[in-house]
Amino acid sequence: LALGDLHDTIDRPLFEKGRRPVKPPIIQPVKASPPPPPRGPDPNALELVGILAGDQQAIALLKRRQSGQQVRVQQGDTVDGWTIDRIEPQRVILKYSSTEVALQLFKKSDR
């Protein structure tokens, strides 16, 4: 027998329910989920240790909580992703994108 003579066998597969041809699966494109928004730097990673304010400029001393390293900064400097927006007498305002965080010099405890 030639293969062309077996068209009923091909059209009606022996091991398929109802002996109907197997339909190829329908493949639909998978929509990729959007990537998570980028996380900003951790606002709790820095601690304000001291401020030295003069007539023309102010300097703040920050401490990295994880390493204990101290960093001296002025307005406009960048530390660990944060930009020093303002140095005030009792606090430093940090900015990242549209987020602002204030580090207080003498933080009151909740006790």
N, C-alpha and C. Protein backbone atom coordinates (compact mmCIF):
# COMPACT_ATOMS: atom_id res chain seq x y z
N LEU A 1 0.82 -1.18 0.00
CA LEU A 1 0.00 0.00 0.00
C LEU A 1 0.87 1.25 0.00
N ALA A 2 0.41 2.20 -0.75
CA ALA A 2 1.11 3.49 -0.78
C ALA A 2 0.54 4.37 0.32
N LEU A 3 1.33 5.30 0.82
CA LEU A 3 0.91 6.19 1.88
C LEU A 3 -0.29 7.02 1.46
N GLY A 4 -0.38 7.40 0.22
CA GLY A 4 -1.51 8.17 -0.29
C GLY A 4 -2.81 7.40 -0.22
N ASP A 5 -2.74 6.06 -0.23
CA ASP A 5 -3.95 5.24 -0.15
C ASP A 5 -4.48 5.14 1.29
N LEU A 6 -3.70 5.58 2.25
CA LEU A 6 -4.08 5.46 3.66
C LEU A 6 -4.61 6.79 4.22
N HIS A 7 -5.24 7.58 3.37
CA HIS A 7 -5.69 8.89 3.83
C HIS A 7 -6.74 8.78 4.94
N ASP A 8 -7.56 7.74 4.99
CA ASP A 8 -8.52 7.56 6.09
C ASP A 8 -7.79 7.29 7.40
N THR A 9 -6.72 6.57 7.36
CA THR A 9 -5.94 6.29 8.57
C THR A 9 -5.30 7.57 9.10
N ILE A 10 -4.84 8.40 8.19
CA ILE A 10 -4.22 9.67 8.61
C ILE A 10 -5.29 10.64 9.11
N ASP A 11 -6.44 10.70 8.44
CA ASP A 11 -7.50 11.62 8.83
C ASP A 11 -8.22 11.17 10.11
N ARG A 12 -8.18 9.87 10.41
CA ARG A 12 -8.87 9.33 11.58
C ARG A 12 -7.87 8.51 12.39
N PRO A 13 -7.05 9.17 13.19
CA PRO A 13 -6.00 8.47 13.94
C PRO A 13 -6.59 7.42 14.87
N LEU A 14 -5.91 6.29 14.92
CA LEU A 14 -6.39 5.13 15.65
C LEU A 14 -6.49 5.37 17.15
N PHE A 15 -5.55 6.09 17.74
CA PHE A 15 -5.50 6.22 19.19
C PHE A 15 -6.09 7.53 19.71
N GLU A 16 -6.85 8.24 18.92
CA GLU A 16 -7.48 9.47 19.35
C GLU A 16 -8.94 9.24 19.63
N LYS A 17 -9.44 9.87 20.69
CA LYS A 17 -10.85 9.75 21.04
C LYS A 17 -11.70 10.34 19.91
N GLY A 18 -12.68 9.61 19.47
CA GLY A 18 -13.53 10.05 18.37
C GLY A 18 -12.87 9.88 17.02
N ARG A 19 -11.63 9.43 17.02
CA ARG A 19 -10.86 9.19 15.79
C ARG A 19 -10.90 10.38 14.85
N ARG A 20 -10.69 11.56 15.43
CA ARG A 20 -10.60 12.79 14.65
C ARG A 20 -9.15 13.27 14.67
N PRO A 21 -8.77 14.00 13.65
CA PRO A 21 -7.38 14.48 13.61
C PRO A 21 -7.07 15.38 14.80
N VAL A 22 -5.86 15.29 15.23
CA VAL A 22 -5.39 16.12 16.35
C VAL A 22 -5.21 17.54 15.85
N LYS A 23 -5.87 18.47 16.55
CA LYS A 23 -5.73 19.88 16.19
C LYS A 23 -4.47 20.42 16.84
N PRO A 24 -3.73 21.18 16.08
CA PRO A 24 -2.53 21.76 16.69
C PRO A 24 -2.94 22.73 17.81
N PRO A 25 -2.15 22.81 18.86
CA PRO A 25 -2.51 23.71 19.97
C PRO A 25 -2.48 25.17 19.52
N ILE A 26 -3.37 25.93 20.11
CA ILE A 26 -3.39 27.37 19.82
C ILE A 26 -2.42 28.04 20.77
N ILE A 27 -1.45 28.67 20.20
CA ILE A 27 -0.43 29.33 21.00
C ILE A 27 -0.73 30.82 21.03
N GLN A 28 -0.99 31.32 22.23
CA GLN A 28 -1.26 32.73 22.39
C GLN A 28 -0.02 33.39 22.99
N PRO A 29 0.27 34.59 22.53
CA PRO A 29 1.44 35.27 23.08
C PRO A 29 1.24 35.56 24.57
N VAL A 30 2.29 35.40 25.31
CA VAL A 30 2.26 35.66 26.74
C VAL A 30 2.61 37.12 26.97
N LYS A 31 1.75 37.80 27.72
CA LYS A 31 2.03 39.19 28.05
C LYS A 31 3.01 39.23 29.21
N ALA A 32 4.09 39.90 28.98
CA ALA A 32 5.10 40.02 30.04
C ALA A 32 4.61 41.03 31.07
N SER A 33 4.79 40.68 32.33
CA SER A 33 4.40 41.62 33.38
C SER A 33 5.43 42.76 33.41
N PRO A 34 4.98 43.96 33.72
CA PRO A 34 5.92 45.08 33.73
C PRO A 34 6.94 44.89 34.85
N PRO A 35 8.14 45.37 34.63
CA PRO A 35 9.15 45.22 35.68
C PRO A 35 8.74 46.04 36.89
N PRO A 36 9.15 45.61 38.08
CA PRO A 36 8.80 46.38 39.28
C PRO A 36 9.46 47.76 39.22
N PRO A 37 8.82 48.74 39.82
CA PRO A 37 9.44 50.07 39.79
C PRO A 37 10.76 50.06 40.54
N PRO A 38 11.71 50.83 40.10
CA PRO A 38 13.00 50.83 40.79
C PRO A 38 12.85 51.36 42.21
N ARG A 39 13.48 50.67 43.12
CA ARG A 39 13.43 51.09 44.51
C ARG A 39 14.46 52.17 44.75
N GLY A 40 14.09 53.09 45.56
CA GLY A 40 15.03 54.16 45.91
C GLY A 40 15.93 53.71 47.04
N PRO A 41 16.86 54.54 47.40
CA PRO A 41 17.75 54.20 48.51
C PRO A 41 16.98 54.14 49.83
N ASP A 42 17.52 53.41 50.77
CA ASP A 42 16.89 53.22 52.08
C ASP A 42 17.04 54.49 52.91
N PRO A 43 15.92 55.11 53.33
CA PRO A 43 16.01 56.33 54.13
C PRO A 43 16.52 56.08 55.54
N ASN A 44 16.47 54.84 56.01
CA ASN A 44 16.94 54.53 57.36
C ASN A 44 18.41 54.14 57.40
N ALA A 45 19.08 54.18 56.27
CA ALA A 45 20.48 53.76 56.21
C ALA A 45 21.42 54.85 56.74
N LEU A 46 20.92 56.07 56.84
CA LEU A 46 21.75 57.18 57.29
C LEU A 46 21.22 57.76 58.60
N GLU A 47 22.15 58.24 59.41
CA GLU A 47 21.80 58.87 60.68
C GLU A 47 22.52 60.20 60.77
N LEU A 48 21.84 61.23 61.22
CA LEU A 48 22.44 62.55 61.37
C LEU A 48 23.17 62.60 62.70
N VAL A 49 24.47 62.91 62.66
CA VAL A 49 25.30 62.95 63.85
C VAL A 49 25.50 64.38 64.34
N GLY A 50 25.73 65.31 63.40
CA GLY A 50 25.96 66.68 63.82
C GLY A 50 25.84 67.66 62.67
N ILE A 51 25.67 68.94 63.02
CA ILE A 51 25.57 70.01 62.03
C ILE A 51 26.45 71.17 62.48
N LEU A 52 27.22 71.71 61.56
CA LEU A 52 28.03 72.89 61.80
C LEU A 52 27.55 73.95 60.82
N ALA A 53 26.87 74.97 61.33
CA ALA A 53 26.29 75.99 60.46
C ALA A 53 27.04 77.31 60.65
N GLY A 54 27.41 77.91 59.52
CA GLY A 54 28.05 79.22 59.53
C GLY A 54 27.17 80.22 58.80
N ASP A 55 27.71 81.41 58.58
CA ASP A 55 26.94 82.43 57.86
C ASP A 55 26.75 82.08 56.39
N GLN A 56 27.77 81.53 55.77
CA GLN A 56 27.74 81.27 54.33
C GLN A 56 27.36 79.84 53.97
N GLN A 57 27.74 78.88 54.80
CA GLN A 57 27.48 77.48 54.46
C GLN A 57 27.29 76.65 55.71
N ALA A 58 26.75 75.45 55.50
CA ALA A 58 26.54 74.51 56.60
C ALA A 58 27.11 73.16 56.19
N ILE A 59 27.62 72.45 57.18
CA ILE A 59 28.18 71.12 56.97
C ILE A 59 27.45 70.17 57.92
N ALA A 60 27.10 69.01 57.41
CA ALA A 60 26.44 67.99 58.24
C ALA A 60 27.32 66.75 58.28
N LEU A 61 27.26 66.08 59.41
CA LEU A 61 27.99 64.83 59.57
C LEU A 61 26.96 63.71 59.65
N LEU A 62 27.00 62.80 58.68
CA LEU A 62 26.09 61.67 58.61
C LEU A 62 26.85 60.39 58.91
N LYS A 63 26.13 59.41 59.45
CA LYS A 63 26.74 58.10 59.73
C LYS A 63 25.96 57.04 58.98
N ARG A 64 26.67 56.18 58.27
CA ARG A 64 26.04 55.02 57.63
C ARG A 64 25.81 53.98 58.72
N ARG A 65 24.55 53.63 58.93
CA ARG A 65 24.20 52.72 60.03
C ARG A 65 24.83 51.34 59.87
N GLN A 66 24.90 50.84 58.66
CA GLN A 66 25.39 49.48 58.45
C GLN A 66 26.88 49.36 58.74
N SER A 67 27.66 50.32 58.24
CA SER A 67 29.12 50.22 58.40
C SER A 67 29.67 51.08 59.53
N GLY A 68 28.89 52.07 59.99
CA GLY A 68 29.38 52.98 61.02
C GLY A 68 30.27 54.09 60.46
N GLN A 69 30.49 54.10 59.16
CA GLN A 69 31.33 55.10 58.52
C GLN A 69 30.64 56.47 58.57
N GLN A 70 31.42 57.50 58.89
CA GLN A 70 30.88 58.86 58.94
C GLN A 70 31.26 59.61 57.67
N VAL A 71 30.30 60.43 57.20
CA VAL A 71 30.47 61.15 55.94
C VAL A 71 30.14 62.62 56.19
N ARG A 72 31.04 63.51 55.78
CA ARG A 72 30.80 64.95 55.89
C ARG A 72 30.20 65.44 54.58
N VAL A 73 29.05 66.14 54.64
CA VAL A 73 28.36 66.57 53.43
C VAL A 73 27.97 68.04 53.52
N GLN A 74 27.79 68.62 52.34
CA GLN A 74 27.27 69.98 52.21
C GLN A 74 26.05 69.94 51.31
N GLN A 75 25.32 71.04 51.26
CA GLN A 75 24.14 71.10 50.40
C GLN A 75 24.56 70.84 48.95
N GLY A 76 23.79 69.96 48.27
CA GLY A 76 24.07 69.60 46.89
C GLY A 76 24.88 68.33 46.73
N ASP A 77 25.53 67.87 47.81
CA ASP A 77 26.30 66.62 47.75
C ASP A 77 25.34 65.43 47.64
N THR A 78 25.89 64.31 47.17
CA THR A 78 25.12 63.07 47.06
C THR A 78 25.80 62.01 47.91
N VAL A 79 24.99 61.31 48.70
CA VAL A 79 25.51 60.22 49.52
C VAL A 79 24.52 59.06 49.46
N ASP A 80 25.00 57.90 49.06
CA ASP A 80 24.19 56.67 48.98
C ASP A 80 22.90 56.87 48.19
N GLY A 81 22.94 57.65 47.12
CA GLY A 81 21.78 57.86 46.27
C GLY A 81 20.94 59.07 46.66
N TRP A 82 21.12 59.58 47.87
CA TRP A 82 20.37 60.74 48.34
C TRP A 82 21.13 62.02 48.03
N THR A 83 20.42 63.07 47.65
CA THR A 83 21.02 64.39 47.45
C THR A 83 20.69 65.23 48.67
N ILE A 84 21.69 65.95 49.17
CA ILE A 84 21.47 66.82 50.33
C ILE A 84 20.77 68.07 49.81
N ASP A 85 19.48 68.17 50.10
CA ASP A 85 18.67 69.28 49.60
C ASP A 85 18.87 70.53 50.44
N ARG A 86 18.76 70.39 51.77
CA ARG A 86 18.94 71.53 52.68
C ARG A 86 19.57 71.05 53.98
N ILE A 87 20.36 71.91 54.56
CA ILE A 87 20.88 71.68 55.90
C ILE A 87 20.34 72.80 56.78
N GLU A 88 19.51 72.42 57.73
CA GLU A 88 18.89 73.37 58.65
C GLU A 88 19.53 73.22 60.02
N PRO A 89 19.25 74.12 60.96
CA PRO A 89 19.90 74.05 62.27
C PRO A 89 19.71 72.73 63.02
N GLN A 90 18.56 72.07 62.88
CA GLN A 90 18.31 70.84 63.63
C GLN A 90 18.05 69.61 62.75
N ARG A 91 18.09 69.79 61.43
CA ARG A 91 17.80 68.66 60.56
C ARG A 91 18.43 68.84 59.18
N VAL A 92 18.49 67.70 58.47
CA VAL A 92 18.99 67.68 57.09
C VAL A 92 17.88 67.08 56.23
N ILE A 93 17.60 67.72 55.10
CA ILE A 93 16.58 67.24 54.18
C ILE A 93 17.29 66.52 53.04
N LEU A 94 16.98 65.23 52.88
CA LEU A 94 17.53 64.41 51.81
C LEU A 94 16.48 64.28 50.71
N LYS A 95 16.93 64.22 49.47
CA LYS A 95 15.99 64.11 48.36
C LYS A 95 16.47 63.04 47.39
N TYR A 96 15.50 62.22 46.93
CA TYR A 96 15.74 61.24 45.87
C TYR A 96 14.54 61.28 44.97
N SER A 97 14.72 61.71 43.73
CA SER A 97 13.62 61.86 42.78
C SER A 97 12.61 62.83 43.39
N SER A 98 11.38 62.39 43.63
CA SER A 98 10.38 63.27 44.23
C SER A 98 10.18 62.97 45.72
N THR A 99 11.01 62.12 46.29
CA THR A 99 10.90 61.74 47.70
C THR A 99 11.81 62.59 48.55
N GLU A 100 11.27 63.13 49.63
CA GLU A 100 12.07 63.89 50.59
C GLU A 100 12.01 63.20 51.95
N VAL A 101 13.15 63.17 52.63
CA VAL A 101 13.25 62.59 53.96
C VAL A 101 14.01 63.56 54.83
N ALA A 102 13.53 63.76 56.05
CA ALA A 102 14.21 64.64 56.99
C ALA A 102 14.90 63.81 58.06
N LEU A 103 16.18 64.08 58.28
CA LEU A 103 16.93 63.45 59.36
C LEU A 103 17.04 64.47 60.49
N GLN A 104 16.47 64.15 61.65
CA GLN A 104 16.50 65.05 62.80
C GLN A 104 17.79 64.86 63.58
N LEU A 105 18.31 65.96 64.12
CA LEU A 105 19.54 65.89 64.90
C LEU A 105 19.29 65.26 66.27
N PHE A 106 18.32 65.75 67.00
CA PHE A 106 18.00 65.19 68.31
C PHE A 106 16.62 64.57 68.22
N LYS A 107 16.59 63.32 67.88
CA LYS A 107 15.33 62.60 67.70
C LYS A 107 14.76 62.22 69.06
N LYS A 108 13.49 62.56 69.29
CA LYS A 108 12.86 62.21 70.55
C LYS A 108 12.55 60.72 70.57
N SER A 109 12.81 60.09 71.69
CA SER A 109 12.49 58.65 71.80
C SER A 109 11.02 58.50 72.19
N ASP A 110 10.45 57.36 71.87
CA ASP A 110 9.03 57.09 72.12
C ASP A 110 8.78 56.52 73.51
N ARG A 111 9.73 56.58 74.41
CA ARG A 111 9.59 55.97 75.73
C ARG A 111 8.74 56.79 76.63
